[in-house]
Amino acid sequence: MKLKIVPALIVLAIAALIAYSMYSFTIGQNKIIIALGSFLFTAITLLSAIGVSYEKKRTGTNIRALAMLFFFIALLSNIGFVNFPFSQALYIITNGILALIFILIVYFIVGAKQ
């Protein structure tokens, strides 16, 4: 895996804009946690999909498809949390489990060496 600098910077800017939009539209007092959580999750998934080049085409294709799937899941999850009041524990547990599942599946894909 090799980081592509320019796409990675653009991805981080996109993740920051998404986080700011989540911060702006959040109902309730959990604005900072949803902004931080949405930035981390969208940055991880978008970096995996766009900001990194992979040595093997098959591995790269699988990781990119998985990353985009989890990006949209994270986006829908965060939009749901924006519209309804929630506890911090529920947000951290939900998005933490999703992020760890994503990282685990990526680990298995890279470990398959195809």
C-alpha atoms as a PDB file:
ATOM      1  CA  MET A   1       0.000   0.000   0.000  1.00  0.00           C
ATOM      2  CA  LYS A   2       1.228   3.441  -0.879  1.00  0.00           C
ATOM      3  CA  LEU A   3      -0.343   6.746   0.118  1.00  0.00           C
ATOM      4  CA  LYS A   4      -1.169   9.099  -2.761  1.00  0.00           C
ATOM      5  CA  ILE A   5      -0.588  12.572  -1.302  1.00  0.00           C
ATOM      6  CA  VAL A   6      -2.859  14.807  -3.413  1.00  0.00           C
ATOM      7  CA  PRO A   7      -5.917  12.507  -3.358  1.00  0.00           C
ATOM      8  CA  ALA A   8      -5.351  11.908   0.364  1.00  0.00           C
ATOM      9  CA  LEU A   9      -5.392  15.647   1.078  1.00  0.00           C
ATOM     10  CA  ILE A  10      -8.571  16.070  -0.975  1.00  0.00           C
ATOM     11  CA  VAL A  11     -10.155  13.141   0.885  1.00  0.00           C
ATOM     12  CA  LEU A  12      -9.281  14.724   4.235  1.00  0.00           C
ATOM     13  CA  ALA A  13     -10.838  18.009   3.093  1.00  0.00           C
ATOM     14  CA  ILE A  14     -14.011  16.168   2.033  1.00  0.00           C
ATOM     15  CA  ALA A  15     -14.127  14.368   5.397  1.00  0.00           C
ATOM     16  CA  ALA A  16     -13.693  17.705   7.190  1.00  0.00           C
ATOM     17  CA  LEU A  17     -16.568  19.245   5.212  1.00  0.00           C
ATOM     18  CA  ILE A  18     -18.794  16.264   5.983  1.00  0.00           C
ATOM     19  CA  ALA A  19     -17.886  16.542   9.669  1.00  0.00           C
ATOM     20  CA  TYR A  20     -18.681  20.262   9.631  1.00  0.00           C
ATOM     21  CA  SER A  21     -22.054  19.597   8.033  1.00  0.00           C
ATOM     22  CA  MET A  22     -22.821  16.997  10.697  1.00  0.00           C
ATOM     23  CA  TYR A  23     -21.782  19.519  13.368  1.00  0.00           C
ATOM     24  CA  SER A  24     -23.985  22.225  11.852  1.00  0.00           C
ATOM     25  CA  PHE A  25     -27.124  20.122  11.535  1.00  0.00           C
ATOM     26  CA  THR A  26     -26.908  18.156  14.808  1.00  0.00           C
ATOM     27  CA  ILE A  27     -29.881  18.563  17.102  1.00  0.00           C
ATOM     28  CA  GLY A  28     -28.888  18.548  20.748  1.00  0.00           C
ATOM     29  CA  GLN A  29     -25.684  18.885  22.669  1.00  0.00           C
ATOM     30  CA  ASN A  30     -23.588  16.140  21.057  1.00  0.00           C
ATOM     31  CA  LYS A  31     -22.251  18.290  18.234  1.00  0.00           C
ATOM     32  CA  ILE A  32     -18.548  17.802  18.931  1.00  0.00           C
ATOM     33  CA  ILE A  33     -18.698  14.038  19.283  1.00  0.00           C
ATOM     34  CA  ILE A  34     -20.655  13.575  16.065  1.00  0.00           C
ATOM     35  CA  ALA A  35     -18.293  15.911  14.203  1.00  0.00           C
ATOM     36  CA  LEU A  36     -15.225  14.056  15.453  1.00  0.00           C
ATOM     37  CA  GLY A  37     -16.748  10.624  14.884  1.00  0.00           C
ATOM     38  CA  SER A  38     -17.971  11.418  11.387  1.00  0.00           C
ATOM     39  CA  PHE A  39     -14.582  12.903  10.451  1.00  0.00           C
ATOM     40  CA  LEU A  40     -12.682   9.838  11.660  1.00  0.00           C
ATOM     41  CA  PHE A  41     -14.993   7.291  10.054  1.00  0.00           C
ATOM     42  CA  THR A  42     -15.343   9.063   6.704  1.00  0.00           C
ATOM     43  CA  ALA A  43     -11.611   9.812   6.574  1.00  0.00           C
ATOM     44  CA  ILE A  44     -10.696   6.172   7.209  1.00  0.00           C
ATOM     45  CA  THR A  45     -13.083   4.830   4.598  1.00  0.00           C
ATOM     46  CA  LEU A  46     -12.374   7.464   1.949  1.00  0.00           C
ATOM     47  CA  LEU A  47      -8.608   7.172   2.428  1.00  0.00           C
ATOM     48  CA  SER A  48      -8.910   3.423   1.903  1.00  0.00           C
ATOM     49  CA  ALA A  49     -11.021   3.925  -1.203  1.00  0.00           C
ATOM     50  CA  ILE A  50      -9.324   6.881  -2.878  1.00  0.00           C
ATOM     51  CA  GLY A  51      -6.134   7.945  -1.098  1.00  0.00           C
ATOM     52  CA  VAL A  52      -4.178   4.690  -1.217  1.00  0.00           C
ATOM     53  CA  SER A  53      -2.797   2.639  -4.115  1.00  0.00           C
ATOM     54  CA  TYR A  54      -2.501  -1.105  -3.670  1.00  0.00           C
ATOM     55  CA  GLU A  55       0.125  -3.436  -5.106  1.00  0.00           C
ATOM     56  CA  LYS A  56      -2.369  -6.043  -6.305  1.00  0.00           C
ATOM     57  CA  LYS A  57      -5.340  -4.986  -8.444  1.00  0.00           C
ATOM     58  CA  ARG A  58      -7.723  -7.577  -7.017  1.00  0.00           C
ATOM     59  CA  THR A  59      -6.964  -6.586  -3.427  1.00  0.00           C
ATOM     60  CA  GLY A  60      -7.322  -2.904  -4.283  1.00  0.00           C
ATOM     61  CA  THR A  61     -10.658  -3.438  -5.997  1.00  0.00           C
ATOM     62  CA  ASN A  62     -12.069  -5.389  -3.053  1.00  0.00           C
ATOM     63  CA  ILE A  63     -10.870  -2.864  -0.486  1.00  0.00           C
ATOM     64  CA  ARG A  64     -12.165   0.088  -2.512  1.00  0.00           C
ATOM     65  CA  ALA A  65     -15.608  -1.497  -2.909  1.00  0.00           C
ATOM     66  CA  LEU A  66     -15.748  -2.348   0.789  1.00  0.00           C
ATOM     67  CA  ALA A  67     -14.567   1.134   1.764  1.00  0.00           C
ATOM     68  CA  MET A  68     -17.237   2.846  -0.342  1.00  0.00           C
ATOM     69  CA  LEU A  69     -19.907   0.554   1.119  1.00  0.00           C
ATOM     70  CA  PHE A  70     -18.827   1.407   4.662  1.00  0.00           C
ATOM     71  CA  PHE A  71     -18.553   5.096   3.741  1.00  0.00           C
ATOM     72  CA  PHE A  72     -22.232   5.156   2.767  1.00  0.00           C
ATOM     73  CA  ILE A  73     -23.170   3.132   5.852  1.00  0.00           C
ATOM     74  CA  ALA A  74     -21.277   5.653   8.008  1.00  0.00           C
ATOM     75  CA  LEU A  75     -22.926   8.551   6.211  1.00  0.00           C
ATOM     76  CA  LEU A  76     -26.405   7.100   6.775  1.00  0.00           C
ATOM     77  CA  SER A  77     -25.575   6.299  10.392  1.00  0.00           C
ATOM     78  CA  ASN A  78     -24.355   9.821  11.054  1.00  0.00           C
ATOM     79  CA  ILE A  79     -27.353  11.376   9.307  1.00  0.00           C
ATOM     80  CA  GLY A  80     -29.579   9.274  11.557  1.00  0.00           C
ATOM     81  CA  PHE A  81     -27.735  10.468  14.644  1.00  0.00           C
ATOM     82  CA  VAL A  82     -27.946  14.079  13.454  1.00  0.00           C
ATOM     83  CA  ASN A  83     -31.734  14.023  13.262  1.00  0.00           C
ATOM     84  CA  PHE A  84     -32.479  12.382  16.599  1.00  0.00           C
ATOM     85  CA  PRO A  85     -31.277  12.982  20.136  1.00  0.00           C
ATOM     86  CA  PHE A  86     -28.859  10.258  21.278  1.00  0.00           C
ATOM     87  CA  SER A  87     -26.509   9.356  24.073  1.00  0.00           C
ATOM     88  CA  GLN A  88     -22.762   9.557  23.565  1.00  0.00           C
ATOM     89  CA  ALA A  89     -22.361   5.917  24.519  1.00  0.00           C
ATOM     90  CA  LEU A  90     -24.776   4.776  21.805  1.00  0.00           C
ATOM     91  CA  TYR A  91     -22.949   6.810  19.165  1.00  0.00           C
ATOM     92  CA  ILE A  92     -19.491   5.611  20.196  1.00  0.00           C
ATOM     93  CA  ILE A  93     -20.549   1.966  20.401  1.00  0.00           C
ATOM     94  CA  THR A  94     -22.402   1.987  17.074  1.00  0.00           C
ATOM     95  CA  ASN A  95     -19.759   3.754  15.026  1.00  0.00           C
ATOM     96  CA  GLY A  96     -16.914   2.031  16.870  1.00  0.00           C
ATOM     97  CA  ILE A  97     -18.282  -1.397  16.012  1.00  0.00           C
ATOM     98  CA  LEU A  98     -18.796  -0.378  12.374  1.00  0.00           C
ATOM     99  CA  ALA A  99     -15.256   1.018  12.104  1.00  0.00           C
ATOM    100  CA  LEU A 100     -13.704  -2.054  13.715  1.00  0.00           C
ATOM    101  CA  ILE A 101     -15.656  -4.396  11.429  1.00  0.00           C
ATOM    102  CA  PHE A 102     -14.401  -2.399   8.439  1.00  0.00           C
ATOM    103  CA  ILE A 103     -10.780  -2.562   9.643  1.00  0.00           C
ATOM    104  CA  LEU A 104     -11.077  -6.296  10.373  1.00  0.00           C
ATOM    105  CA  ILE A 105     -12.455  -7.110   6.918  1.00  0.00           C
ATOM    106  CA  VAL A 106      -9.728  -5.001   5.272  1.00  0.00           C
ATOM    107  CA  TYR A 107      -7.153  -6.891   7.332  1.00  0.00           C
ATOM    108  CA  PHE A 108      -8.526 -10.216   6.084  1.00  0.00           C
ATOM    109  CA  ILE A 109      -8.578  -9.019   2.479  1.00  0.00           C
ATOM    110  CA  VAL A 110      -4.961  -7.863   2.651  1.00  0.00           C
ATOM    111  CA  GLY A 111      -4.007 -11.108   4.383  1.00  0.00           C
ATOM    112  CA  ALA A 112      -5.503 -13.182   1.561  1.00  0.00           C
ATOM    113  CA  LYS A 113      -2.748 -11.852  -0.785  1.00  0.00           C
ATOM    114  CA  GLN A 114      -4.659 -12.250  -4.024  1.00  0.00           C
END
